[in-house]
Amino acid sequence: MDPTPAPTSEKPVPPYEFAEKPFPAVTPEPMSTRRSISFVPAQAGETAHSRPEIYEIPEGESSEISKFPKEEAILTSAPHVPPSITRDYSVLLQVPLTATTRVAQLTRPYKYEQWTFNDTVPGPFIRARVGDVVELALTNRDRTGNPHNVDCHAFTGPGGGAALTTAEENETKTARFKLLYPGLFLYHCAAAPVPVHIANGMYKLIYVQPTEGDLPSVDREYYVMQSEFYHEPPEELEDGQRSSMVEFSYPNALRKEPDVVVFNRSESALTRDQPLKAHTDETIRIYFGNAGPNLTSSFHVLGSNIRNVYRDGDVVSRPASSIQTVSVLPGAATIVNMKMVVPGTYTLMDHAIFRLDKGAVGYLNVSGKPRPDIYQSAKPPAPCVGCKLQA
């Protein structure tokens, strides 16, 4: 190659206006020996929960983890959420998880063998705090012989902890992970084949509180996860009847053609089994995750404008306000706040609306005094027959 510089014109024409301005000279400040993670500073008028946070990591601090006070994590199954953390110090947070399988009612006619953490789908909700060290102990009680592990989107390091936690049948693996970032994150099994483990039910949420300026308090908090299930047609039994059990379909999953799309493990989880409840004048927070494994969710609460949305589980930036529908990608999560004003039944749904007929529906029943100043008619309400949008 010819090292001679290419010729230039007498009058260079910059492509952008700012190209004409010389770069200012900057004198570098002395380097610090302390690593830190900085979050974007809050602007004027932002609320307390969006203040900046810098988590300092002193060199060699990992050797001091043994001195952290120990605390057993409060684990809750959906739709319940552990209480807010009020302590102002870091702990060694012990999280015991067990991989199991169980047969569960998936839809009205069919049962399905789900793969679980702690016998629940979705798995248990974990609440922690930036600076905590999660001591995760995964025990594999899956009698089919499948290995299992944990890939947590809140953990920093290769594989989100999967390689450190892979456990064979009847084995326990324990590993520790320092939480560096606040927010709402998914964690799931990442043993091969990864999509199959997720599609069969091995997913859940962890909320990592900031050290300062957590989310404003609300009256009720709920945990909801959307996911898809893919199954083969039921087998025909000797008596000519169809089996009540269906099995996983890899071809359907590969084609992204789910047979069932649900909130919290089954089509009835938030309707007949355990609808959410509230009272007028209460504030409601939903920690919402989308396990996928394929579809993006268009999360919508019919009849309630969402007051605040913490998109992608971001609790550092200013939340969006007055939102109608929230897009949540597979493997992502979001937090929504609502103020309940008018009593009645509100429908949780995926506004990719044909998914209603695949099971993506839930109810939030709100009690309280009517508000004719906001919602009224000369005649009583008459829900349409068979409409899944109304209880």
Protein backbone atom coordinates (compact mmCIF):
# COMPACT_ATOMS: atom_id res chain seq x y z
CA MET A 1 0.00 0.00 0.00
CA ASP A 2 1.17 3.55 -0.77
CA PRO A 3 1.59 5.43 2.53
CA THR A 4 1.29 8.81 0.78
CA PRO A 5 -1.81 10.64 2.06
CA ALA A 6 -4.63 11.08 -0.41
CA PRO A 7 -4.82 14.58 -1.93
CA THR A 8 -7.33 17.01 -0.46
CA SER A 9 -8.95 20.15 -1.90
CA GLU A 10 -8.03 23.64 -0.82
CA LYS A 11 -11.46 24.14 0.76
CA PRO A 12 -12.69 21.02 2.53
CA VAL A 13 -16.46 20.77 2.74
CA PRO A 14 -17.55 19.04 5.98
CA PRO A 15 -20.55 16.76 5.70
CA TYR A 16 -22.14 18.12 8.88
CA GLU A 17 -22.24 21.53 10.45
CA PHE A 18 -20.43 20.47 13.61
CA ALA A 19 -17.50 19.11 11.60
CA GLU A 20 -16.18 22.66 11.13
CA LYS A 21 -15.74 23.11 14.87
CA PRO A 22 -12.46 21.90 16.34
CA PHE A 23 -12.58 19.35 19.16
CA PRO A 24 -11.83 21.00 22.52
CA ALA A 25 -8.64 19.99 24.28
CA VAL A 26 -9.37 17.91 27.38
CA THR A 27 -6.96 17.25 30.20
CA PRO A 28 -7.65 13.79 31.61
CA GLU A 29 -8.33 13.53 35.32
CA PRO A 30 -6.34 11.09 37.46
CA MET A 31 -7.56 7.51 37.09
CA SER A 32 -9.40 5.92 40.02
CA THR A 33 -8.58 2.44 41.21
CA ARG A 34 -12.26 1.90 42.03
CA ARG A 35 -14.57 0.51 39.38
CA SER A 36 -18.04 1.97 39.17
CA ILE A 37 -21.25 1.64 37.24
CA SER A 38 -22.93 4.97 36.53
CA PHE A 39 -26.55 5.58 35.64
CA VAL A 40 -27.83 8.55 33.64
CA PRO A 41 -28.38 11.60 35.88
CA ALA A 42 -31.95 12.63 36.50
CA GLN A 43 -33.26 15.82 34.96
CA ALA A 44 -35.12 18.56 36.75
CA GLY A 45 -38.60 17.49 37.75
CA GLU A 46 -37.90 13.77 37.81
CA THR A 47 -39.24 11.73 40.70
CA ALA A 48 -37.20 10.22 43.50
CA HIS A 49 -37.08 6.74 42.01
CA SER A 50 -35.28 8.03 38.88
CA ARG A 51 -32.34 9.64 40.66
CA PRO A 52 -28.90 8.56 39.44
CA GLU A 53 -27.18 5.69 41.12
CA ILE A 54 -23.48 4.81 41.19
CA TYR A 55 -22.55 1.44 42.58
CA GLU A 56 -18.87 1.40 43.60
CA ILE A 57 -17.05 -1.94 43.52
CA PRO A 58 -13.86 -1.78 45.56
CA GLU A 59 -11.01 -3.96 44.37
CA GLY A 60 -10.88 -7.25 46.26
CA GLU A 61 -14.35 -6.78 47.72
CA SER A 62 -15.38 -10.30 46.66
CA SER A 63 -13.19 -11.70 49.44
CA GLU A 64 -15.41 -9.87 51.94
CA ILE A 65 -18.63 -11.56 50.85
CA SER A 66 -18.28 -14.06 53.67
CA LYS A 67 -18.79 -11.15 56.09
CA PHE A 68 -22.15 -10.17 54.58
CA PRO A 69 -25.14 -10.90 56.82
CA LYS A 70 -27.13 -13.85 55.50
CA GLU A 71 -30.78 -13.54 54.57
CA GLU A 72 -33.12 -16.14 53.11
CA ALA A 73 -35.00 -14.76 50.13
CA ILE A 74 -38.77 -14.50 50.34
CA LEU A 75 -39.97 -16.41 47.27
CA THR A 76 -43.54 -16.04 46.05
CA SER A 77 -45.53 -17.80 43.36
CA ALA A 78 -47.59 -15.83 40.83
CA PRO A 79 -49.54 -13.63 41.16
CA HIS A 80 -47.99 -12.69 44.51
CA VAL A 81 -44.97 -10.41 45.04
CA PRO A 82 -42.55 -10.35 48.03
CA PRO A 83 -42.68 -7.24 50.23
CA SER A 84 -40.47 -4.25 49.50
CA ILE A 85 -36.95 -4.36 50.96
CA THR A 86 -36.45 -1.69 53.62
CA ARG A 87 -32.88 -2.46 54.73
CA ASP A 88 -30.08 -0.06 53.71
CA TYR A 89 -27.22 -2.58 53.52
CA SER A 90 -26.19 -5.51 51.33
CA VAL A 91 -26.71 -9.15 52.29
CA LEU A 92 -25.85 -12.63 51.12
CA LEU A 93 -29.30 -13.49 49.76
CA GLN A 94 -29.89 -17.23 49.81
CA VAL A 95 -32.14 -18.47 47.00
CA PRO A 96 -32.94 -22.23 46.98
CA LEU A 97 -34.42 -23.48 43.71
CA THR A 98 -35.50 -27.00 42.76
CA ALA A 99 -36.07 -28.16 39.19
CA THR A 100 -39.05 -30.52 38.92
CA THR A 101 -41.74 -31.66 36.51
CA ARG A 102 -45.46 -31.79 37.15
CA VAL A 103 -48.64 -32.50 35.23
CA ALA A 104 -50.93 -29.46 35.22
CA GLN A 105 -54.24 -28.46 33.65
CA LEU A 106 -53.20 -26.25 30.72
CA THR A 107 -56.55 -25.67 29.06
CA ARG A 108 -60.07 -26.85 29.84
CA PRO A 109 -59.70 -30.14 27.92
CA TYR A 110 -55.97 -30.82 28.16
CA LYS A 111 -53.26 -31.47 30.73
CA TYR A 112 -49.55 -30.98 30.05
CA GLU A 113 -46.30 -31.94 31.78
CA GLN A 114 -44.68 -28.64 32.75
CA TRP A 115 -41.02 -28.22 33.70
CA THR A 116 -40.79 -26.05 36.79
CA PHE A 117 -38.72 -24.24 39.36
CA ASN A 118 -40.10 -24.99 42.85
CA ASP A 119 -43.17 -26.73 41.39
CA THR A 120 -44.62 -23.51 39.96
CA VAL A 121 -45.03 -21.96 36.51
CA PRO A 122 -43.93 -19.26 36.31
CA GLY A 123 -41.18 -19.90 38.88
CA PRO A 124 -40.84 -17.94 42.12
CA PHE A 125 -40.51 -14.17 42.13
CA ILE A 126 -37.28 -12.95 43.79
CA ARG A 127 -36.85 -9.50 45.32
CA ALA A 128 -33.33 -8.24 45.97
CA ARG A 129 -31.32 -5.01 46.19
CA VAL A 130 -28.37 -3.60 44.24
CA GLY A 131 -25.20 -4.70 46.05
CA ASP A 132 -26.71 -7.94 47.36
CA VAL A 133 -24.91 -11.18 46.58
CA VAL A 134 -27.35 -13.87 45.47
CA GLU A 135 -26.30 -17.31 46.66
CA LEU A 136 -28.27 -19.51 44.30
CA ALA A 137 -28.52 -23.22 45.07
CA LEU A 138 -30.17 -25.23 42.27
CA THR A 139 -31.18 -28.83 43.00
CA ASN A 140 -32.27 -31.00 40.09
CA ARG A 141 -35.15 -33.35 40.98
CA ASP A 142 -36.24 -33.93 37.39
CA ARG A 143 -36.72 -37.70 37.14
CA THR A 144 -36.56 -37.63 33.34
CA GLY A 145 -32.80 -37.09 33.53
CA ASN A 146 -32.71 -33.62 31.94
CA PRO A 147 -30.00 -31.25 33.22
CA HIS A 148 -31.16 -27.80 34.36
CA ASN A 149 -29.54 -24.48 35.22
CA VAL A 150 -30.27 -20.77 35.68
CA ASP A 151 -29.52 -17.95 33.26
CA CYS A 152 -30.48 -14.77 35.11
CA HIS A 153 -30.57 -11.53 33.13
CA ALA A 154 -29.70 -9.65 36.34
CA PHE A 155 -26.40 -11.53 36.79
CA THR A 156 -23.18 -10.13 35.32
CA GLY A 157 -20.91 -12.78 33.80
CA PRO A 158 -20.85 -15.32 30.94
CA GLY A 159 -24.15 -17.08 30.42
CA GLY A 160 -25.84 -15.24 33.26
CA GLY A 161 -24.72 -18.01 35.59
CA ALA A 162 -25.82 -20.96 33.44
CA ALA A 163 -22.44 -22.72 33.34
CA LEU A 164 -21.98 -22.33 37.10
CA THR A 165 -25.39 -23.75 37.97
CA THR A 166 -25.88 -26.66 35.53
CA ALA A 167 -27.04 -29.57 37.66
CA GLU A 168 -27.62 -33.16 36.60
CA GLU A 169 -30.35 -35.34 38.14
CA ASN A 170 -30.15 -35.40 41.97
CA GLU A 171 -27.27 -32.90 41.94
CA THR A 172 -27.10 -29.48 43.61
CA LYS A 173 -25.03 -26.61 42.23
CA THR A 174 -24.38 -23.44 44.25
CA ALA A 175 -22.96 -20.16 42.94
CA ARG A 176 -22.82 -16.52 44.01
CA PHE A 177 -23.63 -13.43 41.95
CA LYS A 178 -23.33 -9.77 42.95
CA LEU A 179 -26.22 -7.63 41.71
CA LEU A 180 -24.88 -4.53 39.98
CA TYR A 181 -27.89 -3.10 38.18
CA PRO A 182 -31.43 -2.24 39.33
CA GLY A 183 -34.51 -3.25 37.38
CA LEU A 184 -36.94 -6.05 36.57
CA PHE A 185 -35.32 -9.06 34.88
CA LEU A 186 -36.19 -12.54 33.65
CA TYR A 187 -34.33 -15.61 34.75
CA HIS A 188 -34.81 -18.97 33.04
CA CYS A 189 -33.27 -22.34 32.35
CA ALA A 190 -30.61 -22.32 29.64
CA ALA A 191 -29.75 -26.02 29.47
CA ALA A 192 -29.81 -27.55 25.98
CA PRO A 193 -32.04 -27.38 24.11
CA VAL A 194 -32.68 -23.93 25.61
CA PRO A 195 -35.93 -23.11 23.74
CA VAL A 196 -37.52 -26.37 24.91
CA HIS A 197 -36.75 -25.71 28.58
CA ILE A 198 -38.29 -22.24 28.33
CA ALA A 199 -41.28 -23.42 26.30
CA ASN A 200 -42.07 -26.05 28.94
CA GLY A 201 -42.28 -23.54 31.82
CA MET A 202 -38.82 -22.79 33.26
CA TYR A 203 -38.94 -18.99 33.63
CA LYS A 204 -39.61 -16.36 36.30
CA LEU A 205 -38.81 -12.78 37.41
CA ILE A 206 -36.36 -11.05 39.75
CA TYR A 207 -36.75 -7.43 40.81
CA VAL A 208 -33.55 -5.69 41.91
CA GLN A 209 -34.32 -2.55 43.91
CA PRO A 210 -32.05 0.50 43.60
CA THR A 211 -30.07 1.37 46.71
CA GLU A 212 -31.89 4.73 46.79
CA GLY A 213 -35.12 6.05 45.35
CA ASP A 214 -37.08 2.84 44.78
CA LEU A 215 -40.47 2.83 43.07
CA PRO A 216 -43.18 4.84 44.85
CA SER A 217 -45.34 2.79 47.20
CA VAL A 218 -48.65 1.38 45.96
CA ASP A 219 -51.58 -0.41 47.57
CA ARG A 220 -51.18 -3.75 45.77
CA GLU A 221 -48.52 -5.47 43.68
CA TYR A 222 -48.99 -8.43 41.34
CA TYR A 223 -46.76 -10.78 39.34
CA VAL A 224 -47.92 -11.78 35.84
CA MET A 225 -46.03 -13.62 33.08
CA GLN A 226 -47.13 -14.33 29.54
CA SER A 227 -45.91 -17.41 27.69
CA GLU A 228 -46.76 -19.80 24.89
CA PHE A 229 -47.19 -23.56 24.89
CA TYR A 230 -46.80 -25.75 21.82
CA HIS A 231 -48.33 -29.21 21.78
CA GLU A 232 -49.12 -32.10 19.48
CA PRO A 233 -52.73 -33.21 18.91
CA PRO A 234 -53.98 -35.54 21.66
CA GLU A 235 -53.53 -39.25 21.07
CA GLU A 236 -56.54 -41.43 20.40
CA LEU A 237 -57.12 -44.00 23.15
CA GLU A 238 -58.21 -47.63 22.70
CA ASP A 239 -61.81 -46.72 23.43
CA GLY A 240 -61.79 -44.14 20.66
CA GLN A 241 -61.70 -41.18 23.03
CA ARG A 242 -59.03 -38.52 22.86
CA SER A 243 -56.40 -38.46 25.60
CA SER A 244 -56.59 -35.64 28.13
CA MET A 245 -52.78 -35.32 27.96
CA VAL A 246 -50.90 -33.46 25.23
CA GLU A 247 -47.15 -33.41 24.62
CA PHE A 248 -44.69 -30.74 23.51
CA SER A 249 -44.46 -30.07 19.77
CA TYR A 250 -41.03 -29.00 18.51
CA PRO A 251 -42.28 -28.44 14.92
CA ASN A 252 -45.04 -26.08 16.11
CA ALA A 253 -42.55 -24.14 18.23
CA LEU A 254 -40.09 -23.89 15.35
CA ARG A 255 -42.87 -22.49 13.14
CA LYS A 256 -43.86 -20.04 15.91
CA GLU A 257 -47.41 -21.39 15.90
CA PRO A 258 -48.49 -21.70 19.54
CA ASP A 259 -51.47 -23.80 20.50
CA VAL A 260 -51.88 -21.91 23.79
CA VAL A 261 -50.94 -18.37 24.90
CA VAL A 262 -51.53 -17.76 28.61
CA PHE A 263 -50.90 -15.62 31.65
CA ASN A 264 -49.40 -17.45 34.65
CA ARG A 265 -49.25 -21.06 33.36
CA SER A 266 -52.82 -21.83 32.16
CA GLU A 267 -55.85 -20.34 30.46
CA SER A 268 -57.76 -20.19 33.76
CA ALA A 269 -54.97 -18.92 36.05
CA LEU A 270 -56.19 -15.30 36.14
CA THR A 271 -59.85 -15.93 35.34
CA ARG A 272 -61.55 -18.82 37.17
CA ASP A 273 -58.63 -19.75 39.46
CA GLN A 274 -57.12 -16.55 40.81
CA PRO A 275 -58.29 -13.24 39.31
CA LEU A 276 -56.51 -10.15 40.58
CA LYS A 277 -58.40 -7.97 43.07
CA ALA A 278 -58.45 -4.29 44.00
CA HIS A 279 -60.66 -1.52 45.36
CA THR A 280 -61.48 1.86 43.89
CA ASP A 281 -58.98 4.60 44.81
CA GLU A 282 -56.23 2.00 45.16
CA THR A 283 -53.01 2.07 43.18
CA ILE A 284 -51.97 -1.19 41.50
CA ARG A 285 -48.57 -2.27 40.23
CA ILE A 286 -48.07 -5.22 37.88
CA TYR A 287 -44.62 -6.72 37.34
CA PHE A 288 -45.13 -8.17 33.86
CA GLY A 289 -42.74 -10.51 32.08
CA ASN A 290 -42.87 -12.14 28.68
CA ALA A 291 -41.16 -15.54 28.65
CA GLY A 292 -41.99 -16.07 24.99
CA PRO A 293 -40.26 -18.07 23.72
CA ASN A 294 -41.35 -16.58 20.39
CA LEU A 295 -44.05 -13.91 20.52
CA THR A 296 -43.95 -10.23 21.43
CA SER A 297 -46.72 -9.25 23.83
CA SER A 298 -48.92 -6.19 23.35
CA PHE A 299 -49.94 -5.95 26.99
CA HIS A 300 -53.19 -4.05 27.55
CA VAL A 301 -55.61 -3.61 30.45
CA LEU A 302 -59.05 -3.09 28.94
CA GLY A 303 -60.82 -0.10 30.52
CA SER A 304 -57.85 1.25 32.48
CA ASN A 305 -55.34 3.77 31.24
CA ILE A 306 -51.88 2.83 32.51
CA ARG A 307 -50.64 5.72 34.62
CA ASN A 308 -46.91 4.90 34.50
CA VAL A 309 -44.84 2.40 32.52
CA TYR A 310 -41.26 1.49 33.40
CA ARG A 311 -40.35 0.13 29.98
CA ASP A 312 -38.07 -2.88 29.82
CA GLY A 313 -37.99 -2.96 33.63
CA ASP A 314 -35.96 0.29 33.71
CA VAL A 315 -36.47 1.88 37.14
CA VAL A 316 -33.74 4.50 36.75
CA SER A 317 -35.12 6.55 33.84
CA ARG A 318 -38.28 8.63 34.01
CA PRO A 319 -41.36 6.40 33.38
CA ALA A 320 -43.73 6.92 30.47
CA SER A 321 -47.21 8.20 31.37
CA SER A 322 -50.80 7.65 30.20
CA ILE A 323 -50.09 4.59 28.07
CA GLN A 324 -52.70 2.35 26.46
CA THR A 325 -50.67 -0.69 25.31
CA VAL A 326 -47.13 -1.82 26.16
CA SER A 327 -44.91 -3.87 23.86
CA VAL A 328 -42.88 -6.48 25.74
CA LEU A 329 -40.38 -8.55 23.79
CA PRO A 330 -39.67 -12.23 24.51
CA GLY A 331 -37.16 -12.34 27.35
CA ALA A 332 -38.12 -8.86 28.56
CA ALA A 333 -40.24 -7.37 31.33
CA THR A 334 -42.02 -4.16 32.20
CA ILE A 335 -43.67 -2.54 35.22
CA VAL A 336 -47.04 -0.79 35.03
CA ASN A 337 -48.84 1.34 37.61
CA MET A 338 -52.58 2.00 37.54
CA LYS A 339 -55.05 3.98 39.63
CA MET A 340 -58.40 2.21 39.94
CA VAL A 341 -61.29 4.68 39.78
CA VAL A 342 -64.44 2.91 38.53
CA PRO A 343 -65.54 -0.46 39.99
CA GLY A 344 -65.97 -3.47 37.74
CA THR A 345 -63.98 -6.12 35.91
CA TYR A 346 -60.93 -5.08 33.94
CA THR A 347 -59.45 -7.49 31.40
CA LEU A 348 -55.73 -8.18 31.09
CA MET A 349 -54.99 -9.15 27.50
CA ASP A 350 -52.51 -9.33 24.68
CA HIS A 351 -53.85 -6.88 22.10
CA ALA A 352 -52.65 -9.17 19.33
CA ILE A 353 -56.25 -9.98 19.89
CA PHE A 354 -56.75 -13.40 18.30
CA ARG A 355 -54.62 -14.68 21.18
CA LEU A 356 -57.74 -14.28 23.33
CA ASP A 357 -58.95 -17.50 21.75
CA LYS A 358 -55.66 -19.19 22.69
CA GLY A 359 -56.04 -18.28 26.38
CA ALA A 360 -54.31 -14.87 26.82
CA VAL A 361 -56.84 -13.29 29.14
CA GLY A 362 -57.04 -12.43 32.84
CA TYR A 363 -59.31 -10.41 35.11
CA LEU A 364 -58.76 -7.63 37.62
CA ASN A 365 -61.91 -7.35 39.77
CA VAL A 366 -62.31 -3.89 41.32
CA SER A 367 -64.88 -3.32 44.05
CA GLY A 368 -66.17 0.03 45.32
CA LYS A 369 -68.84 2.67 44.86
CA PRO A 370 -70.05 3.51 41.34
CA ARG A 371 -68.75 6.68 39.71
CA PRO A 372 -71.60 7.98 37.52
CA ASP A 373 -69.63 11.22 37.05
CA ILE A 374 -67.13 9.21 35.01
CA TYR A 375 -68.95 6.12 33.71
CA GLN A 376 -72.74 5.94 33.29
CA SER A 377 -75.63 4.97 31.07
CA ALA A 378 -79.42 5.19 31.28
CA LYS A 379 -79.58 1.39 31.03
CA PRO A 380 -77.68 -1.24 33.04
CA PRO A 381 -74.62 -2.85 31.42
CA ALA A 382 -75.32 -5.91 29.25
CA PRO A 383 -72.13 -7.83 28.42
CA CYS A 384 -72.23 -9.75 25.17
CA VAL A 385 -72.86 -13.47 25.47
CA GLY A 386 -69.65 -15.49 25.30
CA CYS A 387 -67.39 -12.45 25.18
CA LYS A 388 -64.03 -13.24 26.82
CA LEU A 389 -63.32 -9.55 27.40
CA GLN A 390 -65.95 -9.36 30.13
CA ALA A 391 -66.28 -11.61 33.18
